[in-house]
Amino acid sequence: MLAEIKQAEFLRLSVYARLFDDAVRLLKQVESSSQEVKFYMASQNASSLFDDMLRKESITLNQQSIVRQKQDQTREELFLSLIEGRIPKEITLIDDSPHSIDVACNLGIRAYQIHRNELLPMATDQRAFIIPSLNDIAIPIVETI
């Protein structure tokens, strides 16, 4: 019961937080570049909040553009499903999770960690790009590993 109350309160308060401002800016930039973008969500909260943000911003994405991590799926399995049929080094992954960035780099994926707070951990893989904001990525992304 307490968990449900805390969950409801989190969702209520997060409506006013601009948690996906970077994602909105990225989507608007990518629209004009004709590059494919997929968003992956590792938590139910993120998925709900992202859907709410898309509605508020009047942004429409097809269902293939949003991938939700399955409950028993590892991050590596999720990333392998995202890049299926593609060359890993031609894919760019952007996340704030150092673990996700390290997993992506191990798979040969170009990965950017958004590192907004110097007190939080950084990816350890030397192939990772560490940036403070999505604003530091040029669109279209044309770099290669």
N, C-alpha and C. Protein backbone atom coordinates (compact mmCIF):
# COMPACT_ATOMS: atom_id res chain seq x y z
N MET A 1 0.82 -1.20 0.00
CA MET A 1 0.00 0.00 0.00
C MET A 1 0.86 1.27 0.00
N LEU A 2 1.89 1.28 0.84
CA LEU A 2 2.77 2.44 0.90
C LEU A 2 3.46 2.67 -0.44
N ALA A 3 3.89 1.59 -1.08
CA ALA A 3 4.55 1.71 -2.39
C ALA A 3 3.61 2.34 -3.41
N GLU A 4 2.34 1.96 -3.39
CA GLU A 4 1.37 2.53 -4.33
C GLU A 4 1.16 4.02 -4.07
N ILE A 5 1.12 4.40 -2.81
CA ILE A 5 0.95 5.81 -2.44
C ILE A 5 2.17 6.61 -2.91
N LYS A 6 3.37 6.08 -2.66
CA LYS A 6 4.59 6.77 -3.08
C LYS A 6 4.66 6.89 -4.60
N GLN A 7 4.25 5.83 -5.30
CA GLN A 7 4.24 5.84 -6.76
C GLN A 7 3.29 6.92 -7.28
N ALA A 8 2.10 6.98 -6.73
CA ALA A 8 1.12 7.99 -7.16
C ALA A 8 1.64 9.40 -6.89
N GLU A 9 2.27 9.61 -5.75
CA GLU A 9 2.81 10.92 -5.41
C GLU A 9 3.96 11.31 -6.35
N PHE A 10 4.82 10.34 -6.66
CA PHE A 10 5.92 10.60 -7.60
C PHE A 10 5.37 11.04 -8.95
N LEU A 11 4.40 10.31 -9.45
CA LEU A 11 3.83 10.65 -10.76
C LEU A 11 3.13 12.00 -10.72
N ARG A 12 2.46 12.32 -9.63
CA ARG A 12 1.79 13.61 -9.50
C ARG A 12 2.81 14.75 -9.52
N LEU A 13 3.88 14.62 -8.76
CA LEU A 13 4.89 15.68 -8.69
C LEU A 13 5.70 15.80 -9.98
N SER A 14 5.93 14.70 -10.64
CA SER A 14 6.78 14.72 -11.82
C SER A 14 6.11 15.37 -13.03
N VAL A 15 4.81 15.56 -12.98
CA VAL A 15 4.10 16.22 -14.08
C VAL A 15 4.70 17.61 -14.32
N TYR A 16 5.14 18.28 -13.26
CA TYR A 16 5.65 19.64 -13.38
C TYR A 16 7.16 19.69 -13.60
N ALA A 17 7.83 18.56 -13.46
CA ALA A 17 9.27 18.51 -13.72
C ALA A 17 9.48 18.33 -15.22
N ARG A 18 10.45 19.01 -15.73
CA ARG A 18 10.75 18.91 -17.16
C ARG A 18 11.83 17.84 -17.36
N LEU A 19 11.47 16.58 -17.08
CA LEU A 19 12.43 15.48 -17.08
C LEU A 19 12.95 15.15 -18.47
N PHE A 20 12.19 15.46 -19.50
CA PHE A 20 12.57 15.05 -20.85
C PHE A 20 12.84 16.24 -21.77
N ASP A 21 13.24 17.37 -21.21
CA ASP A 21 13.54 18.55 -22.04
C ASP A 21 14.59 18.24 -23.09
N ASP A 22 15.66 17.52 -22.68
CA ASP A 22 16.70 17.15 -23.64
C ASP A 22 16.13 16.31 -24.77
N ALA A 23 15.26 15.37 -24.42
CA ALA A 23 14.67 14.48 -25.43
C ALA A 23 13.81 15.27 -26.42
N VAL A 24 13.07 16.24 -25.92
CA VAL A 24 12.23 17.07 -26.80
C VAL A 24 13.12 17.85 -27.78
N ARG A 25 14.18 18.46 -27.26
CA ARG A 25 15.10 19.20 -28.15
C ARG A 25 15.72 18.27 -29.18
N LEU A 26 16.13 17.08 -28.74
CA LEU A 26 16.73 16.12 -29.66
C LEU A 26 15.73 15.72 -30.75
N LEU A 27 14.50 15.43 -30.36
CA LEU A 27 13.48 15.05 -31.34
C LEU A 27 13.28 16.13 -32.39
N LYS A 28 13.23 17.37 -31.95
CA LYS A 28 13.02 18.47 -32.88
C LYS A 28 14.19 18.63 -33.84
N GLN A 29 15.41 18.40 -33.35
CA GLN A 29 16.59 18.48 -34.22
C GLN A 29 16.63 17.31 -35.20
N VAL A 30 16.29 16.14 -34.71
CA VAL A 30 16.39 14.93 -35.53
C VAL A 30 15.34 14.91 -36.62
N GLU A 31 14.18 15.52 -36.37
CA GLU A 31 13.11 15.57 -37.38
C GLU A 31 13.64 16.07 -38.72
N SER A 32 14.46 17.08 -38.67
CA SER A 32 14.95 17.67 -39.91
C SER A 32 16.15 16.91 -40.50
N SER A 33 16.75 16.00 -39.73
CA SER A 33 17.94 15.30 -40.23
C SER A 33 17.62 13.97 -40.89
N SER A 34 16.39 13.51 -40.75
CA SER A 34 15.95 12.22 -41.32
C SER A 34 16.67 11.02 -40.72
N GLN A 35 17.23 11.17 -39.53
CA GLN A 35 17.84 10.02 -38.86
C GLN A 35 16.80 9.31 -38.02
N GLU A 36 16.93 8.00 -37.94
CA GLU A 36 16.01 7.22 -37.13
C GLU A 36 16.41 7.34 -35.66
N VAL A 37 15.41 7.50 -34.80
CA VAL A 37 15.64 7.58 -33.36
C VAL A 37 14.74 6.58 -32.67
N LYS A 38 15.31 5.88 -31.70
CA LYS A 38 14.52 4.99 -30.85
C LYS A 38 14.80 5.38 -29.41
N PHE A 39 13.76 5.43 -28.63
CA PHE A 39 13.89 5.68 -27.20
C PHE A 39 13.63 4.38 -26.48
N TYR A 40 14.48 4.07 -25.51
CA TYR A 40 14.21 2.88 -24.71
C TYR A 40 13.96 3.30 -23.28
N MET A 41 13.06 2.60 -22.65
CA MET A 41 12.66 2.90 -21.29
C MET A 41 12.93 1.67 -20.43
N ALA A 42 13.62 1.88 -19.32
CA ALA A 42 13.94 0.77 -18.43
C ALA A 42 13.00 0.70 -17.23
N SER A 43 12.16 1.69 -17.06
CA SER A 43 11.24 1.66 -15.91
C SER A 43 9.84 2.07 -16.35
N GLN A 44 8.87 1.59 -15.62
CA GLN A 44 7.48 1.93 -15.91
C GLN A 44 7.25 3.43 -15.73
N ASN A 45 7.87 4.01 -14.70
CA ASN A 45 7.73 5.46 -14.47
C ASN A 45 8.20 6.24 -15.69
N ALA A 46 9.39 5.91 -16.18
CA ALA A 46 9.94 6.64 -17.33
C ALA A 46 9.02 6.53 -18.53
N SER A 47 8.49 5.36 -18.75
CA SER A 47 7.61 5.14 -19.89
C SER A 47 6.36 6.01 -19.80
N SER A 48 5.73 6.04 -18.65
CA SER A 48 4.52 6.85 -18.46
C SER A 48 4.81 8.33 -18.60
N LEU A 49 5.90 8.77 -17.99
CA LEU A 49 6.26 10.18 -18.05
C LEU A 49 6.63 10.61 -19.47
N PHE A 50 7.32 9.73 -20.19
CA PHE A 50 7.70 10.03 -21.57
C PHE A 50 6.46 10.15 -22.44
N ASP A 51 5.52 9.23 -22.28
CA ASP A 51 4.26 9.30 -23.03
C ASP A 51 3.52 10.60 -22.74
N ASP A 52 3.48 11.00 -21.47
CA ASP A 52 2.83 12.26 -21.09
C ASP A 52 3.51 13.45 -21.75
N MET A 53 4.85 13.45 -21.75
CA MET A 53 5.60 14.54 -22.36
C MET A 53 5.31 14.63 -23.85
N LEU A 54 5.27 13.49 -24.53
CA LEU A 54 4.98 13.50 -25.97
C LEU A 54 3.61 14.11 -26.24
N ARG A 55 2.62 13.75 -25.44
CA ARG A 55 1.28 14.32 -25.61
C ARG A 55 1.29 15.83 -25.38
N LYS A 56 1.95 16.28 -24.31
CA LYS A 56 1.99 17.71 -24.00
C LYS A 56 2.67 18.51 -25.10
N GLU A 57 3.69 17.93 -25.71
CA GLU A 57 4.44 18.63 -26.75
C GLU A 57 3.86 18.40 -28.15
N SER A 58 2.76 17.64 -28.22
CA SER A 58 2.11 17.30 -29.50
C SER A 58 3.09 16.62 -30.46
N ILE A 59 3.89 15.71 -29.91
CA ILE A 59 4.84 14.95 -30.71
C ILE A 59 4.28 13.55 -30.90
N THR A 60 4.28 13.09 -32.14
CA THR A 60 3.78 11.76 -32.45
C THR A 60 4.94 10.89 -32.91
N LEU A 61 5.12 9.77 -32.23
CA LEU A 61 6.12 8.79 -32.64
C LEU A 61 5.42 7.48 -32.93
N ASN A 62 5.92 6.74 -33.91
CA ASN A 62 5.31 5.44 -34.15
C ASN A 62 5.76 4.47 -33.04
N GLN A 63 5.03 3.41 -32.88
CA GLN A 63 5.28 2.47 -31.79
C GLN A 63 6.67 1.85 -31.85
N GLN A 64 7.25 1.71 -33.03
CA GLN A 64 8.58 1.13 -33.15
C GLN A 64 9.66 2.07 -32.62
N SER A 65 9.33 3.33 -32.40
CA SER A 65 10.31 4.30 -31.92
C SER A 65 10.50 4.27 -30.41
N ILE A 66 9.61 3.59 -29.71
CA ILE A 66 9.71 3.51 -28.26
C ILE A 66 9.76 2.05 -27.86
N VAL A 67 10.85 1.67 -27.21
CA VAL A 67 11.04 0.29 -26.79
C VAL A 67 11.10 0.25 -25.27
N ARG A 68 10.32 -0.62 -24.70
CA ARG A 68 10.30 -0.76 -23.25
C ARG A 68 11.03 -2.04 -22.85
N GLN A 69 11.96 -1.90 -21.91
CA GLN A 69 12.71 -3.07 -21.45
C GLN A 69 11.76 -4.02 -20.74
N LYS A 70 11.85 -5.30 -21.10
CA LYS A 70 11.02 -6.31 -20.46
C LYS A 70 11.53 -6.57 -19.05
N GLN A 71 10.66 -7.07 -18.20
CA GLN A 71 10.98 -7.23 -16.79
C GLN A 71 12.22 -8.10 -16.54
N ASP A 72 12.37 -9.20 -17.25
CA ASP A 72 13.51 -10.10 -17.03
C ASP A 72 14.62 -9.91 -18.06
N GLN A 73 14.58 -8.83 -18.81
CA GLN A 73 15.54 -8.60 -19.88
C GLN A 73 16.73 -7.80 -19.35
N THR A 74 17.94 -8.26 -19.66
CA THR A 74 19.13 -7.50 -19.27
C THR A 74 19.29 -6.31 -20.21
N ARG A 75 20.10 -5.36 -19.81
CA ARG A 75 20.36 -4.20 -20.66
C ARG A 75 21.05 -4.66 -21.95
N GLU A 76 21.95 -5.64 -21.85
CA GLU A 76 22.62 -6.16 -23.05
C GLU A 76 21.60 -6.77 -24.01
N GLU A 77 20.67 -7.55 -23.50
CA GLU A 77 19.64 -8.15 -24.35
C GLU A 77 18.77 -7.07 -25.00
N LEU A 78 18.45 -6.04 -24.24
CA LEU A 78 17.67 -4.92 -24.78
C LEU A 78 18.42 -4.26 -25.94
N PHE A 79 19.70 -3.95 -25.73
CA PHE A 79 20.48 -3.28 -26.77
C PHE A 79 20.64 -4.16 -28.00
N LEU A 80 20.84 -5.46 -27.79
CA LEU A 80 20.96 -6.37 -28.93
C LEU A 80 19.67 -6.38 -29.74
N SER A 81 18.53 -6.29 -29.06
CA SER A 81 17.26 -6.25 -29.80
C SER A 81 17.11 -4.93 -30.55
N LEU A 82 17.63 -3.85 -29.99
CA LEU A 82 17.55 -2.54 -30.65
C LEU A 82 18.40 -2.47 -31.92
N ILE A 83 19.54 -3.15 -31.91
CA ILE A 83 20.45 -3.05 -33.05
C ILE A 83 20.32 -4.22 -34.01
N GLU A 84 19.37 -5.08 -33.77
CA GLU A 84 19.19 -6.28 -34.59
C GLU A 84 19.18 -5.93 -36.08
N GLY A 85 20.04 -6.62 -36.83
CA GLY A 85 20.11 -6.40 -38.27
C GLY A 85 20.91 -5.18 -38.69
N ARG A 86 21.55 -4.53 -37.74
CA ARG A 86 22.34 -3.33 -38.05
C ARG A 86 23.78 -3.54 -37.62
N ILE A 87 24.66 -2.72 -38.14
CA ILE A 87 26.07 -2.75 -37.75
C ILE A 87 26.20 -1.91 -36.47
N PRO A 88 26.67 -2.52 -35.36
CA PRO A 88 26.72 -1.81 -34.08
C PRO A 88 27.44 -0.46 -34.13
N LYS A 89 28.55 -0.37 -34.85
CA LYS A 89 29.30 0.90 -34.85
C LYS A 89 28.58 2.02 -35.59
N GLU A 90 27.50 1.69 -36.31
CA GLU A 90 26.71 2.72 -36.99
C GLU A 90 25.55 3.21 -36.13
N ILE A 91 25.44 2.67 -34.93
CA ILE A 91 24.38 3.04 -33.99
C ILE A 91 24.97 3.97 -32.93
N THR A 92 24.21 4.95 -32.50
CA THR A 92 24.63 5.82 -31.41
C THR A 92 23.63 5.68 -30.27
N LEU A 93 24.14 5.38 -29.09
CA LEU A 93 23.30 5.27 -27.91
C LEU A 93 23.60 6.46 -27.00
N ILE A 94 22.56 7.07 -26.48
CA ILE A 94 22.72 8.21 -25.58
C ILE A 94 21.95 7.89 -24.31
N ASP A 95 22.61 8.01 -23.16
CA ASP A 95 21.98 7.66 -21.89
C ASP A 95 22.72 8.40 -20.78
N ASP A 96 22.09 8.49 -19.62
CA ASP A 96 22.81 9.06 -18.48
C ASP A 96 23.33 7.98 -17.54
N SER A 97 23.02 6.74 -17.81
CA SER A 97 23.45 5.62 -16.97
C SER A 97 24.84 5.14 -17.38
N PRO A 98 25.82 5.20 -16.46
CA PRO A 98 27.16 4.70 -16.81
C PRO A 98 27.15 3.21 -17.16
N HIS A 99 26.32 2.44 -16.48
CA HIS A 99 26.23 1.00 -16.77
C HIS A 99 25.77 0.78 -18.21
N SER A 100 24.74 1.49 -18.63
CA SER A 100 24.23 1.35 -19.99
C SER A 100 25.28 1.72 -21.03
N ILE A 101 26.03 2.76 -20.76
CA ILE A 101 27.07 3.21 -21.68
C ILE A 101 28.16 2.14 -21.80
N ASP A 102 28.58 1.58 -20.68
CA ASP A 102 29.60 0.53 -20.71
C ASP A 102 29.11 -0.71 -21.46
N VAL A 103 27.86 -1.09 -21.25
CA VAL A 103 27.28 -2.23 -21.96
C VAL A 103 27.28 -1.96 -23.46
N ALA A 104 26.84 -0.77 -23.84
CA ALA A 104 26.78 -0.41 -25.26
C ALA A 104 28.18 -0.44 -25.89
N CYS A 105 29.15 0.13 -25.22
CA CYS A 105 30.52 0.13 -25.75
C CYS A 105 31.04 -1.29 -25.93
N ASN A 106 30.73 -2.18 -24.98
CA ASN A 106 31.15 -3.58 -25.09
C ASN A 106 30.54 -4.26 -26.30
N LEU A 107 29.38 -3.79 -26.74
CA LEU A 107 28.72 -4.35 -27.92
C LEU A 107 29.20 -3.69 -29.22
N GLY A 108 30.08 -2.71 -29.11
CA GLY A 108 30.59 -2.02 -30.29
C GLY A 108 29.74 -0.84 -30.72
N ILE A 109 28.82 -0.42 -29.87
CA ILE A 109 27.93 0.71 -30.16
C ILE A 109 28.61 2.01 -29.72
N ARG A 110 28.52 3.05 -30.54
CA ARG A 110 29.00 4.37 -30.15
C ARG A 110 28.08 4.88 -29.05
N ALA A 111 28.65 5.32 -27.93
CA ALA A 111 27.79 5.68 -26.79
C ALA A 111 28.22 7.00 -26.15
N TYR A 112 27.21 7.83 -25.89
CA TYR A 112 27.40 9.10 -25.19
C TYR A 112 26.72 9.02 -23.83
N GLN A 113 27.46 9.34 -22.78
CA GLN A 113 26.84 9.46 -21.47
C GLN A 113 26.59 10.93 -21.18
N ILE A 114 25.35 11.25 -20.89
CA ILE A 114 25.02 12.60 -20.46
C ILE A 114 25.32 12.64 -18.97
N HIS A 115 26.31 13.42 -18.61
CA HIS A 115 26.80 13.46 -17.23
C HIS A 115 26.57 14.87 -16.69
N ARG A 116 25.38 15.07 -16.14
CA ARG A 116 24.96 16.41 -15.70
C ARG A 116 25.49 16.80 -14.34
N ASN A 117 25.90 15.82 -13.55
CA ASN A 117 26.30 16.09 -12.17
C ASN A 117 27.64 15.42 -11.91
N GLU A 118 28.65 16.22 -11.58
CA GLU A 118 30.00 15.68 -11.39
C GLU A 118 30.11 14.73 -10.21
N LEU A 119 29.13 14.71 -9.33
CA LEU A 119 29.16 13.80 -8.18
C LEU A 119 28.66 12.40 -8.53
N LEU A 120 28.01 12.26 -9.68
CA LEU A 120 27.50 10.96 -10.09
C LEU A 120 28.57 10.19 -10.87
N PRO A 121 28.48 8.86 -10.89
CA PRO A 121 29.51 8.06 -11.56
C PRO A 121 29.50 8.23 -13.07
N MET A 122 30.66 7.96 -13.66
CA MET A 122 30.80 8.03 -15.12
C MET A 122 31.08 6.63 -15.66
N ALA A 123 30.80 6.46 -16.94
CA ALA A 123 31.11 5.20 -17.61
C ALA A 123 32.62 4.97 -17.52
N THR A 124 33.01 3.70 -17.46
CA THR A 124 34.44 3.39 -17.34
C THR A 124 35.07 2.99 -18.66
N ASP A 125 34.27 2.65 -19.65
CA ASP A 125 34.81 2.23 -20.94
C ASP A 125 35.44 3.43 -21.63
N GLN A 126 36.68 3.27 -22.08
CA GLN A 126 37.41 4.39 -22.69
C GLN A 126 36.84 4.83 -24.03
N ARG A 127 35.99 4.01 -24.63
CA ARG A 127 35.36 4.39 -25.91
C ARG A 127 34.15 5.30 -25.71
N ALA A 128 33.70 5.45 -24.47
CA ALA A 128 32.51 6.26 -24.19
C ALA A 128 32.82 7.75 -24.35
N PHE A 129 31.84 8.48 -24.87
CA PHE A 129 31.91 9.93 -24.93
C PHE A 129 31.13 10.46 -23.73
N ILE A 130 31.74 11.33 -22.95
CA ILE A 130 31.09 11.91 -21.78
C ILE A 130 30.78 13.37 -22.10
N ILE A 131 29.49 13.73 -22.02
CA ILE A 131 29.07 15.09 -22.35
C ILE A 131 28.11 15.60 -21.26
N PRO A 132 28.05 16.92 -21.05
CA PRO A 132 27.16 17.46 -20.02
C PRO A 132 25.70 17.58 -20.45
N SER A 133 25.43 17.57 -21.76
CA SER A 133 24.07 17.80 -22.23
C SER A 133 23.92 17.27 -23.66
N LEU A 134 22.68 16.97 -24.04
CA LEU A 134 22.42 16.58 -25.43
C LEU A 134 22.77 17.71 -26.40
N ASN A 135 22.81 18.92 -25.90
CA ASN A 135 23.16 20.06 -26.75
C ASN A 135 24.58 19.93 -27.30
N ASP A 136 25.39 19.06 -26.70
CA ASP A 136 26.77 18.89 -27.14
C ASP A 136 26.93 17.85 -28.25
N ILE A 137 25.83 17.34 -28.77
CA ILE A 137 25.87 16.38 -29.87
C ILE A 137 25.37 17.07 -31.13
N ALA A 138 26.18 17.03 -32.17
CA ALA A 138 25.77 17.63 -33.44
C ALA A 138 24.80 16.68 -34.16
N ILE A 139 23.71 17.23 -34.65
CA ILE A 139 22.72 16.46 -35.41
C ILE A 139 22.81 16.94 -36.85
N PRO A 140 22.88 16.10 -37.86
CA PRO A 140 22.87 14.65 -37.75
C PRO A 140 24.19 14.11 -37.20
N ILE A 141 24.10 12.96 -36.55
CA ILE A 141 25.28 12.31 -35.99
C ILE A 141 25.97 11.57 -37.13
N VAL A 142 27.21 11.95 -37.41
CA VAL A 142 27.92 11.33 -38.53
C VAL A 142 29.27 10.74 -38.11
N GLU A 143 29.60 10.84 -36.83
CA GLU A 143 30.89 10.32 -36.37
C GLU A 143 30.91 8.80 -36.48
N THR A 144 32.11 8.27 -36.59
CA THR A 144 32.27 6.82 -36.56
C THR A 144 33.33 6.47 -35.54
N ILE A 145 33.27 5.25 -35.06
CA ILE A 145 34.24 4.81 -34.05
C ILE A 145 35.56 4.54 -34.72
